[in-house]
Protein backbone atom coordinates (compact mmCIF):
# COMPACT_ATOMS: atom_id res chain seq x y z
CA MET A 1 -2.53 49.33 39.70
CA LYS A 2 -5.38 47.26 37.99
CA LYS A 3 -3.58 47.93 34.85
CA ILE A 4 -0.28 46.26 36.10
CA MET A 5 -2.27 43.10 37.78
CA MET A 6 -4.05 42.19 34.35
CA ILE A 7 -1.08 42.09 32.30
CA PRO A 8 0.61 39.06 34.42
CA ALA A 9 -3.01 37.64 34.70
CA LEU A 10 -3.57 38.05 30.87
CA VAL A 11 -0.50 36.28 30.27
CA VAL A 12 -0.57 33.55 32.54
CA THR A 13 -3.98 32.85 30.74
CA LEU A 14 -2.47 32.97 27.36
CA GLY A 15 0.15 30.82 28.94
CA VAL A 16 -1.94 28.12 29.80
CA GLY A 17 -4.27 27.97 27.19
CA ALA A 18 -0.76 27.84 24.55
CA ALA A 19 0.30 24.77 26.88
CA ILE A 20 -3.03 22.84 26.46
CA GLY A 21 -3.17 23.33 23.20
CA SER A 22 0.31 21.93 22.42
CA THR A 23 -0.39 18.96 24.69
CA THR A 24 -3.33 18.39 22.29
CA LEU A 25 -1.47 18.84 18.90
CA LEU A 26 1.21 16.63 20.27
CA SER A 27 -1.20 13.76 21.69
CA GLY A 28 -2.77 13.96 17.84
CA SER A 29 0.59 13.82 16.21
CA ALA A 30 1.23 10.77 18.47
CA GLN A 31 -1.81 8.90 17.74
CA GLU A 32 -0.67 9.07 13.57
CA LYS A 33 -2.67 6.42 11.68
CA LYS A 34 -1.58 3.55 10.12
CA ILE A 35 -1.57 2.27 6.47
CA LEU A 36 -3.42 -0.77 5.65
CA SER A 37 -1.57 -3.51 4.88
CA MET A 38 -2.16 -4.77 1.36
CA GLN A 39 -3.34 -7.87 2.66
CA GLU A 40 -6.38 -5.89 3.85
CA ILE A 41 -6.49 -4.19 0.51
CA GLU A 42 -6.45 -7.16 -1.57
CA LYS A 43 -9.55 -8.29 0.77
CA LYS A 44 -11.53 -4.94 0.03
CA ALA A 45 -10.85 -5.12 -3.87
CA LEU A 46 -12.42 -8.79 -3.92
CA ALA A 47 -15.61 -7.32 -2.00
CA VAL A 48 -16.07 -5.08 -5.08
CA VAL A 49 -15.03 -7.24 -7.59
CA ASP A 50 -15.36 -10.39 -7.95
CA GLY A 51 -12.39 -12.12 -9.18
CA THR A 52 -8.14 -12.29 -9.35
CA VAL A 53 -5.55 -9.68 -7.95
CA ALA A 54 -3.16 -9.03 -10.86
CA ASP A 55 -1.48 -6.02 -9.20
CA ILE A 56 -1.22 -3.96 -6.26
CA GLU A 57 0.56 -0.62 -5.95
CA LEU A 58 0.99 1.63 -2.80
CA ASP A 59 1.37 5.42 -3.95
CA GLN A 60 2.39 7.46 -1.65
CA ASN A 61 2.81 11.22 -2.02
CA ARG A 62 2.73 14.43 0.41
CA TYR A 63 -1.03 15.18 -0.47
CA ARG A 64 -2.56 11.55 -0.49
CA SER A 65 -1.46 8.07 -0.11
CA VAL A 66 -3.59 5.53 -2.38
CA TYR A 67 -3.63 1.56 -2.94
CA GLU A 68 -4.13 1.27 -6.81
CA VAL A 69 -5.49 -2.68 -7.44
CA GLU A 70 -6.39 -4.03 -10.73
CA VAL A 71 -8.55 -6.81 -10.78
CA HIS A 72 -9.34 -9.26 -13.48
CA ALA A 73 -12.66 -11.06 -14.08
CA ASP A 74 -14.04 -12.99 -16.89
CA THR A 75 -14.06 -10.35 -19.20
CA GLU A 76 -13.26 -6.96 -17.68
CA GLU A 77 -10.35 -5.63 -16.20
CA TYR A 78 -11.04 -3.45 -13.08
CA ASP A 79 -8.87 -0.58 -11.63
CA LEU A 80 -9.90 0.42 -8.32
CA LYS A 81 -7.96 3.20 -5.99
CA PHE A 82 -8.52 3.13 -2.40
CA ASP A 83 -7.38 5.73 0.52
CA ALA A 84 -4.71 3.91 2.36
CA TYR A 85 -5.64 5.00 5.62
CA THR A 86 -9.03 4.12 5.54
CA GLY A 87 -9.96 1.78 3.37
CA LYS A 88 -11.99 3.63 1.17
CA LEU A 89 -12.85 3.23 -2.43
CA LEU A 90 -12.23 6.33 -4.14
CA LYS A 91 -12.06 5.64 -8.06
CA GLN A 92 -13.57 2.14 -10.06
CA LYS A 93 -12.61 1.99 -13.78
CA LYS A 94 -13.70 -0.94 -15.74
CA GLU A 95 -12.53 -1.61 -19.35
CA ARG A 96 -12.30 -4.81 -21.08
CA GLN A 97 -9.49 -7.45 -21.03
CA ASP A 98 -6.77 -7.42 -23.87
CA ASP A 99 -5.52 -10.64 -25.28
CA ASP A 100 -2.52 -10.19 -22.80
CA ASP A 101 -4.81 -9.84 -19.74
CA LYS A 102 -6.54 -13.02 -20.54
CA GLU A 103 -3.27 -15.13 -21.29
CA TRP A 104 -2.65 -14.08 -17.16
CA VAL A 105 -5.93 -14.98 -16.20
CA ASN A 106 -5.85 -18.30 -17.77
CA GLU A 107 -2.45 -19.02 -16.83
CA ASP A 108 -2.98 -17.72 -13.08
CA ASN A 109 -6.23 -19.86 -13.08
CA ALA A 110 -4.38 -23.14 -14.78
CA ASN A 111 -1.21 -22.73 -11.54
CA THR A 112 -3.58 -21.61 -8.96
CA ALA A 113 -5.08 -25.22 -8.53
CA THR A 114 -1.73 -26.96 -9.01
CA ASN A 115 1.24 -25.09 -7.89
CA LEU A 116 1.78 -21.47 -7.68
CA ILE A 117 2.84 -20.08 -4.64
CA SER A 118 1.36 -17.62 -2.39
CA LYS A 119 1.14 -13.80 -2.65
CA GLU A 120 2.15 -14.04 1.15
CA LYS A 121 4.96 -16.48 0.25
CA ALA A 122 6.69 -14.79 -2.58
CA ILE A 123 6.78 -11.19 -0.01
CA GLU A 124 8.59 -13.47 2.53
CA ALA A 125 11.26 -14.75 0.23
CA ALA A 126 11.75 -11.02 -0.96
CA LEU A 127 12.00 -9.69 2.47
CA THR A 128 14.82 -12.36 3.04
CA LYS A 129 16.95 -10.18 0.35
CA ALA A 130 15.72 -6.79 1.22
CA LYS A 131 14.19 -5.23 4.39
CA GLY A 132 11.61 -2.64 4.01
CA THR A 133 7.73 -2.06 3.11
CA VAL A 134 6.51 -3.44 0.54
CA THR A 135 4.68 -1.00 -2.25
CA LYS A 136 3.83 -2.88 -4.76
CA ILE A 137 3.40 -6.96 -5.80
CA LYS A 138 2.34 -7.85 -9.56
CA LEU A 139 2.55 -11.35 -11.14
CA ASP A 140 3.62 -11.10 -14.74
CA ASP A 141 4.20 -13.79 -16.78
CA GLY A 142 4.98 -16.39 -13.88
CA ILE A 143 7.37 -13.98 -12.15
CA TYR A 144 6.41 -12.00 -8.64
CA GLU A 145 7.57 -8.03 -9.16
CA ILE A 146 7.91 -7.19 -5.60
CA GLU A 147 9.00 -3.40 -5.16
CA ILE A 148 10.46 -2.55 -1.17
CA LYS A 149 11.35 0.48 0.21
CA ASN A 150 12.88 1.40 3.17
CA GLY A 151 13.41 5.22 3.49
CA GLN A 152 16.90 5.31 1.92
CA TYR A 153 16.66 2.05 -0.83
CA GLU A 154 14.12 1.20 -3.23
CA TYR A 155 14.55 -2.80 -4.15
CA ASP A 156 12.93 -4.71 -7.10
CA VAL A 157 12.55 -8.30 -6.08
CA GLU A 158 11.46 -10.77 -8.62
CA VAL A 159 10.48 -14.18 -7.56
CA ASP A 160 9.51 -17.38 -9.45
CA SER A 161 5.94 -17.99 -9.06
CA ILE A 162 6.48 -21.98 -8.94
CA THR A 163 9.54 -22.56 -6.91
CA GLY A 164 9.20 -19.23 -4.58
CA GLU A 165 13.18 -18.53 -5.93
CA VAL A 166 14.87 -15.01 -5.68
CA VAL A 167 15.84 -14.74 -9.68
CA ASP A 168 16.10 -10.80 -9.76
CA PHE A 169 17.27 -8.52 -6.93
CA GLU A 170 17.72 -4.52 -8.11
CA GLN A 171 18.41 -2.10 -5.46
CA ASP A 172 18.37 1.94 -6.19
CA MET A 173 18.71 4.94 -4.22
CA GLU A 174 14.88 5.89 -3.21
CA ASP A 175 13.52 8.85 -4.46
């Protein structure tokens, strides 16, 4: 008789434990972490290296999401990697700038003081052509190259760094 009562009591105990465990798991997934914005990562990069951010790219895979940031200083180029969720600096690499980097820095410094639009304005212009998450922005030869993804498509938008006009737009299926 005791065995018959023990089995239902054990089943009830296991059921209550499973319910509590699943509630904890559900609430944990409901509080998913958010990826930091490019602006937040840019601030973190400039706190590590005093210079000009030349390139920011969000690299996501199933194991880890990281921001790769290229910063140009006077004579060096820094490649930094940050955890996209925590902003923790994961890797820092320093190398001498080559001639292309120096030209970019000189061109950028000359234009910044006069008429170069901000990254934020370039992103606003790009988002008028495509909706989604900006995963990359790079200033190259006076053009902001911006990559946007929305889960179905990947868009490459080029924005003139002086006028703020979209000069090229491409759409591909996302990998």
